Amino acid sequence: MILDFEPGDKVINPSNKNWGKGQVQSIIKEKVTVNFENVGKKVINTENIELIKINE
């Protein structure tokens, strides 16, 4: 799987919208570290959870 994310990209987790908007911090293989406005940093395994890139 090729991830279309770069550090600084804004994303949301559609299955946890209450986390708010997030900013991608780092990408290592299928793991994306995102700093969400309501819950802080989360490491997302993109094989299990889909992130959607948003434009602001």
PDB file of N, CA and C in Angstrom:
ATOM      1  N   MET A   1       0.848  -1.192   0.000  1.00  0.00           N
ATOM      2  CA  MET A   1       0.000   0.000   0.000  1.00  0.00           C
ATOM      3  C   MET A   1       0.888   1.248   0.000  1.00  0.00           C
ATOM      4  N   ILE A   2       0.585   2.165  -0.873  1.00  0.00           N
ATOM      5  CA  ILE A   2       1.312   3.434  -0.915  1.00  0.00           C
ATOM      6  C   ILE A   2       0.460   4.490  -0.231  1.00  0.00           C
ATOM      7  N   LEU A   3       1.048   5.131   0.768  1.00  0.00           N
ATOM      8  CA  LEU A   3       0.318   6.157   1.511  1.00  0.00           C
ATOM      9  C   LEU A   3       0.542   7.509   0.860  1.00  0.00           C
ATOM     10  N   ASP A   4      -0.530   8.252   0.739  1.00  0.00           N
ATOM     11  CA  ASP A   4      -0.462   9.576   0.124  1.00  0.00           C
ATOM     12  C   ASP A   4      -0.470  10.656   1.204  1.00  0.00           C
ATOM     13  N   PHE A   5       0.394  10.485   2.216  1.00  0.00           N
ATOM     14  CA  PHE A   5       0.487  11.452   3.305  1.00  0.00           C
ATOM     15  C   PHE A   5       1.914  11.945   3.433  1.00  0.00           C
ATOM     16  N   GLU A   6       2.029  13.187   3.851  1.00  0.00           N
ATOM     17  CA  GLU A   6       3.325  13.780   4.156  1.00  0.00           C
ATOM     18  C   GLU A   6       3.198  14.496   5.490  1.00  0.00           C
ATOM     19  N   PRO A   7       4.301  14.622   6.246  1.00  0.00           N
ATOM     20  CA  PRO A   7       4.227  15.408   7.477  1.00  0.00           C
ATOM     21  C   PRO A   7       3.667  16.803   7.209  1.00  0.00           C
ATOM     22  N   GLY A   8       2.748  17.217   8.060  1.00  0.00           N
ATOM     23  CA  GLY A   8       2.096  18.514   7.897  1.00  0.00           C
ATOM     24  C   GLY A   8       0.719  18.430   7.286  1.00  0.00           C
ATOM     25  N   ASP A   9       0.399  17.304   6.630  1.00  0.00           N
ATOM     26  CA  ASP A   9      -0.934  17.134   6.045  1.00  0.00           C
ATOM     27  C   ASP A   9      -1.992  17.131   7.147  1.00  0.00           C
ATOM     28  N   LYS A  10      -3.154  17.687   6.833  1.00  0.00           N
ATOM     29  CA  LYS A  10      -4.298  17.686   7.744  1.00  0.00           C
ATOM     30  C   LYS A  10      -5.181  16.490   7.392  1.00  0.00           C
ATOM     31  N   VAL A  11      -5.620  15.768   8.430  1.00  0.00           N
ATOM     32  CA  VAL A  11      -6.425  14.565   8.216  1.00  0.00           C
ATOM     33  C   VAL A  11      -7.538  14.486   9.259  1.00  0.00           C
ATOM     34  N   ILE A  12      -8.513  13.613   8.970  1.00  0.00           N
ATOM     35  CA  ILE A  12      -9.510  13.227   9.960  1.00  0.00           C
ATOM     36  C   ILE A  12      -9.586  11.705   9.971  1.00  0.00           C
ATOM     37  N   ASN A  13     -10.044  11.169  11.093  1.00  0.00           N
ATOM     38  CA  ASN A  13     -10.319   9.743  11.209  1.00  0.00           C
ATOM     39  C   ASN A  13     -11.837   9.609  11.139  1.00  0.00           C
ATOM     40  N   PRO A  14     -12.387   9.171  10.020  1.00  0.00           N
ATOM     41  CA  PRO A  14     -13.853   9.153   9.867  1.00  0.00           C
ATOM     42  C   PRO A  14     -14.563   8.250  10.871  1.00  0.00           C
ATOM     43  N   SER A  15     -13.879   7.269  11.437  1.00  0.00           N
ATOM     44  CA  SER A  15     -14.533   6.406  12.422  1.00  0.00           C
ATOM     45  C   SER A  15     -14.467   6.998  13.830  1.00  0.00           C
ATOM     46  N   ASN A  16     -13.698   8.081  14.015  1.00  0.00           N
ATOM     47  CA  ASN A  16     -13.618   8.778  15.306  1.00  0.00           C
ATOM     48  C   ASN A  16     -13.601  10.284  15.063  1.00  0.00           C
ATOM     49  N   LYS A  17     -14.686  10.801  14.515  1.00  0.00           N
ATOM     50  CA  LYS A  17     -14.735  12.227  14.156  1.00  0.00           C
ATOM     51  C   LYS A  17     -14.589  13.141  15.369  1.00  0.00           C
ATOM     52  N   ASN A  18     -14.925  12.634  16.564  1.00  0.00           N
ATOM     53  CA  ASN A  18     -14.803  13.459  17.767  1.00  0.00           C
ATOM     54  C   ASN A  18     -13.336  13.744  18.132  1.00  0.00           C
ATOM     55  N   TRP A  19     -12.381  13.046  17.505  1.00  0.00           N
ATOM     56  CA  TRP A  19     -10.965  13.341  17.715  1.00  0.00           C
ATOM     57  C   TRP A  19     -10.609  14.706  17.131  1.00  0.00           C
ATOM     58  N   GLY A  20     -11.412  15.189  16.195  1.00  0.00           N
ATOM     59  CA  GLY A  20     -11.144  16.468  15.558  1.00  0.00           C
ATOM     60  C   GLY A  20     -10.152  16.321  14.411  1.00  0.00           C
ATOM     61  N   LYS A  21      -9.715  17.452  13.925  1.00  0.00           N
ATOM     62  CA  LYS A  21      -8.728  17.466  12.842  1.00  0.00           C
ATOM     63  C   LYS A  21      -7.374  17.091  13.405  1.00  0.00           C
ATOM     64  N   GLY A  22      -6.581  16.449  12.560  1.00  0.00           N
ATOM     65  CA  GLY A  22      -5.240  16.060  12.972  1.00  0.00           C
ATOM     66  C   GLY A  22      -4.206  16.515  11.977  1.00  0.00           C
ATOM     67  N   GLN A  23      -2.977  16.598  12.450  1.00  0.00           N
ATOM     68  CA  GLN A  23      -1.857  16.941  11.575  1.00  0.00           C
ATOM     69  C   GLN A  23      -0.863  15.786  11.615  1.00  0.00           C
ATOM     70  N   VAL A  24      -0.493  15.294  10.429  1.00  0.00           N
ATOM     71  CA  VAL A  24       0.461  14.195  10.329  1.00  0.00           C
ATOM     72  C   VAL A  24       1.822  14.668  10.827  1.00  0.00           C
ATOM     73  N   GLN A  25       2.400  13.884  11.750  1.00  0.00           N
ATOM     74  CA  GLN A  25       3.715  14.194  12.310  1.00  0.00           C
ATOM     75  C   GLN A  25       4.808  13.382  11.625  1.00  0.00           C
ATOM     76  N   SER A  26       4.560  12.073  11.442  1.00  0.00           N
ATOM     77  CA  SER A  26       5.560  11.210  10.814  1.00  0.00           C
ATOM     78  C   SER A  26       4.883   9.994  10.206  1.00  0.00           C
ATOM     79  N   ILE A  27       5.602   9.353   9.269  1.00  0.00           N
ATOM     80  CA  ILE A  27       5.118   8.154   8.609  1.00  0.00           C
ATOM     81  C   ILE A  27       6.256   7.139   8.600  1.00  0.00           C
ATOM     82  N   ILE A  28       6.008   5.969   9.182  1.00  0.00           N
ATOM     83  CA  ILE A  28       6.993   4.885   9.154  1.00  0.00           C
ATOM     84  C   ILE A  28       6.251   3.632   8.707  1.00  0.00           C
ATOM     85  N   LYS A  29       6.564   3.188   7.497  1.00  0.00           N
ATOM     86  CA  LYS A  29       5.854   2.072   6.866  1.00  0.00           C
ATOM     87  C   LYS A  29       4.359   2.364   6.868  1.00  0.00           C
ATOM     88  N   GLU A  30       3.525   1.471   7.469  1.00  0.00           N
ATOM     89  CA  GLU A  30       2.075   1.707   7.457  1.00  0.00           C
ATOM     90  C   GLU A  30       1.591   2.456   8.692  1.00  0.00           C
ATOM     91  N   LYS A  31       2.510   2.891   9.542  1.00  0.00           N
ATOM     92  CA  LYS A  31       2.140   3.607  10.767  1.00  0.00           C
ATOM     93  C   LYS A  31       2.288   5.117  10.575  1.00  0.00           C
ATOM     94  N   VAL A  32       1.206   5.837  10.847  1.00  0.00           N
ATOM     95  CA  VAL A  32       1.191   7.288  10.704  1.00  0.00           C
ATOM     96  C   VAL A  32       0.930   7.890  12.087  1.00  0.00           C
ATOM     97  N   THR A  33       1.835   8.756  12.545  1.00  0.00           N
ATOM     98  CA  THR A  33       1.632   9.450  13.817  1.00  0.00           C
ATOM     99  C   THR A  33       0.936  10.765  13.519  1.00  0.00           C
ATOM    100  N   VAL A  34      -0.220  10.966  14.183  1.00  0.00           N
ATOM    101  CA  VAL A  34      -1.044  12.148  13.943  1.00  0.00           C
ATOM    102  C   VAL A  34      -1.318  12.836  15.273  1.00  0.00           C
ATOM    103  N   ASN A  35      -1.206  14.152  15.291  1.00  0.00           N
ATOM    104  CA  ASN A  35      -1.547  14.938  16.472  1.00  0.00           C
ATOM    105  C   ASN A  35      -2.952  15.501  16.258  1.00  0.00           C
ATOM    106  N   PHE A  36      -3.945  14.920  16.970  1.00  0.00           N
ATOM    107  CA  PHE A  36      -5.336  15.340  16.831  1.00  0.00           C
ATOM    108  C   PHE A  36      -5.650  16.447  17.833  1.00  0.00           C
ATOM    109  N   GLU A  37      -6.535  17.377  17.443  1.00  0.00           N
ATOM    110  CA  GLU A  37      -6.833  18.541  18.282  1.00  0.00           C
ATOM    111  C   GLU A  37      -7.539  18.188  19.589  1.00  0.00           C
ATOM    112  N   ASN A  38      -8.307  17.103  19.624  1.00  0.00           N
ATOM    113  CA  ASN A  38      -9.074  16.779  20.833  1.00  0.00           C
ATOM    114  C   ASN A  38      -8.491  15.647  21.674  1.00  0.00           C
ATOM    115  N   VAL A  39      -7.614  14.823  21.099  1.00  0.00           N
ATOM    116  CA  VAL A  39      -7.099  13.670  21.841  1.00  0.00           C
ATOM    117  C   VAL A  39      -5.577  13.558  21.835  1.00  0.00           C
ATOM    118  N   GLY A  40      -4.904  14.503  21.213  1.00  0.00           N
ATOM    119  CA  GLY A  40      -3.443  14.470  21.196  1.00  0.00           C
ATOM    120  C   GLY A  40      -2.887  13.498  20.164  1.00  0.00           C
ATOM    121  N   LYS A  41      -1.668  13.014  20.431  1.00  0.00           N
ATOM    122  CA  LYS A  41      -0.977  12.159  19.464  1.00  0.00           C
ATOM    123  C   LYS A  41      -1.509  10.736  19.482  1.00  0.00           C
ATOM    124  N   LYS A  42      -1.716  10.224  18.280  1.00  0.00           N
ATOM    125  CA  LYS A  42      -2.140   8.839  18.094  1.00  0.00           C
ATOM    126  C   LYS A  42      -1.290   8.237  16.982  1.00  0.00           C
ATOM    127  N   VAL A  43      -0.916   6.973  17.152  1.00  0.00           N
ATOM    128  CA  VAL A  43      -0.240   6.235  16.087  1.00  0.00           C
ATOM    129  C   VAL A  43      -1.302   5.384  15.407  1.00  0.00           C
ATOM    130  N   ILE A  44      -1.499   5.641  14.136  1.00  0.00           N
ATOM    131  CA  ILE A  44      -2.555   4.983  13.366  1.00  0.00           C
ATOM    132  C   ILE A  44      -1.932   3.948  12.435  1.00  0.00           C
ATOM    133  N   ASN A  45      -2.424   2.712  12.533  1.00  0.00           N
ATOM    134  CA  ASN A  45      -2.018   1.675  11.594  1.00  0.00           C
ATOM    135  C   ASN A  45      -2.968   1.763  10.399  1.00  0.00           C
ATOM    136  N   THR A  46      -2.467   2.238   9.275  1.00  0.00           N
ATOM    137  CA  THR A  46      -3.335   2.483   8.121  1.00  0.00           C
ATOM    138  C   THR A  46      -3.797   1.207   7.432  1.00  0.00           C
ATOM    139  N   GLU A  47      -3.302   0.050   7.887  1.00  0.00           N
ATOM    140  CA  GLU A  47      -3.855  -1.205   7.381  1.00  0.00           C
ATOM    141  C   GLU A  47      -5.210  -1.485   8.031  1.00  0.00           C
ATOM    142  N   ASN A  48      -5.451  -0.871   9.212  1.00  0.00           N
ATOM    143  CA  ASN A  48      -6.693  -1.121   9.954  1.00  0.00           C
ATOM    144  C   ASN A  48      -7.619   0.085  10.003  1.00  0.00           C
ATOM    145  N   ILE A  49      -7.069   1.291   9.934  1.00  0.00           N
ATOM    146  CA  ILE A  49      -7.855   2.512  10.073  1.00  0.00           C
ATOM    147  C   ILE A  49      -7.566   3.425   8.889  1.00  0.00           C
ATOM    148  N   GLU A  50      -8.625   3.904   8.266  1.00  0.00           N
ATOM    149  CA  GLU A  50      -8.483   4.808   7.125  1.00  0.00           C
ATOM    150  C   GLU A  50      -8.462   6.255   7.604  1.00  0.00           C
ATOM    151  N   LEU A  51      -7.474   6.992   7.144  1.00  0.00           N
ATOM    152  CA  LEU A  51      -7.424   8.442   7.381  1.00  0.00           C
ATOM    153  C   LEU A  51      -7.819   9.138   6.091  1.00  0.00           C
ATOM    154  N   ILE A  52      -8.499  10.256   6.213  1.00  0.00           N
ATOM    155  CA  ILE A  52      -8.886  11.040   5.043  1.00  0.00           C
ATOM    156  C   ILE A  52      -8.192  12.387   5.100  1.00  0.00           C
ATOM    157  N   LYS A  53      -7.488  12.711   4.027  1.00  0.00           N
ATOM    158  CA  LYS A  53      -6.800  13.993   3.950  1.00  0.00           C
ATOM    159  C   LYS A  53      -7.822  15.097   3.701  1.00  0.00           C
ATOM    160  N   ILE A  54      -7.662  16.227   4.404  1.00  0.00           N
ATOM    161  CA  ILE A  54      -8.567  17.355   4.220  1.00  0.00           C
ATOM    162  C   ILE A  54      -7.781  18.577   3.809  1.00  0.00           C
ATOM    163  N   ASN A  55      -8.455  19.497   3.166  1.00  0.00           N
ATOM    164  CA  ASN A  55      -7.846  20.766   2.774  1.00  0.00           C
ATOM    165  C   ASN A  55      -8.425  21.864   3.644  1.00  0.00           C
ATOM    166  N   GLU A  56      -7.555  22.746   4.097  1.00  0.00           N
ATOM    167  CA  GLU A  56      -8.035  23.875   4.902  1.00  0.00           C
ATOM    168  C   GLU A  56      -7.719  25.165   4.201  1.00  0.00           C
TER     169      GLU A  56
END
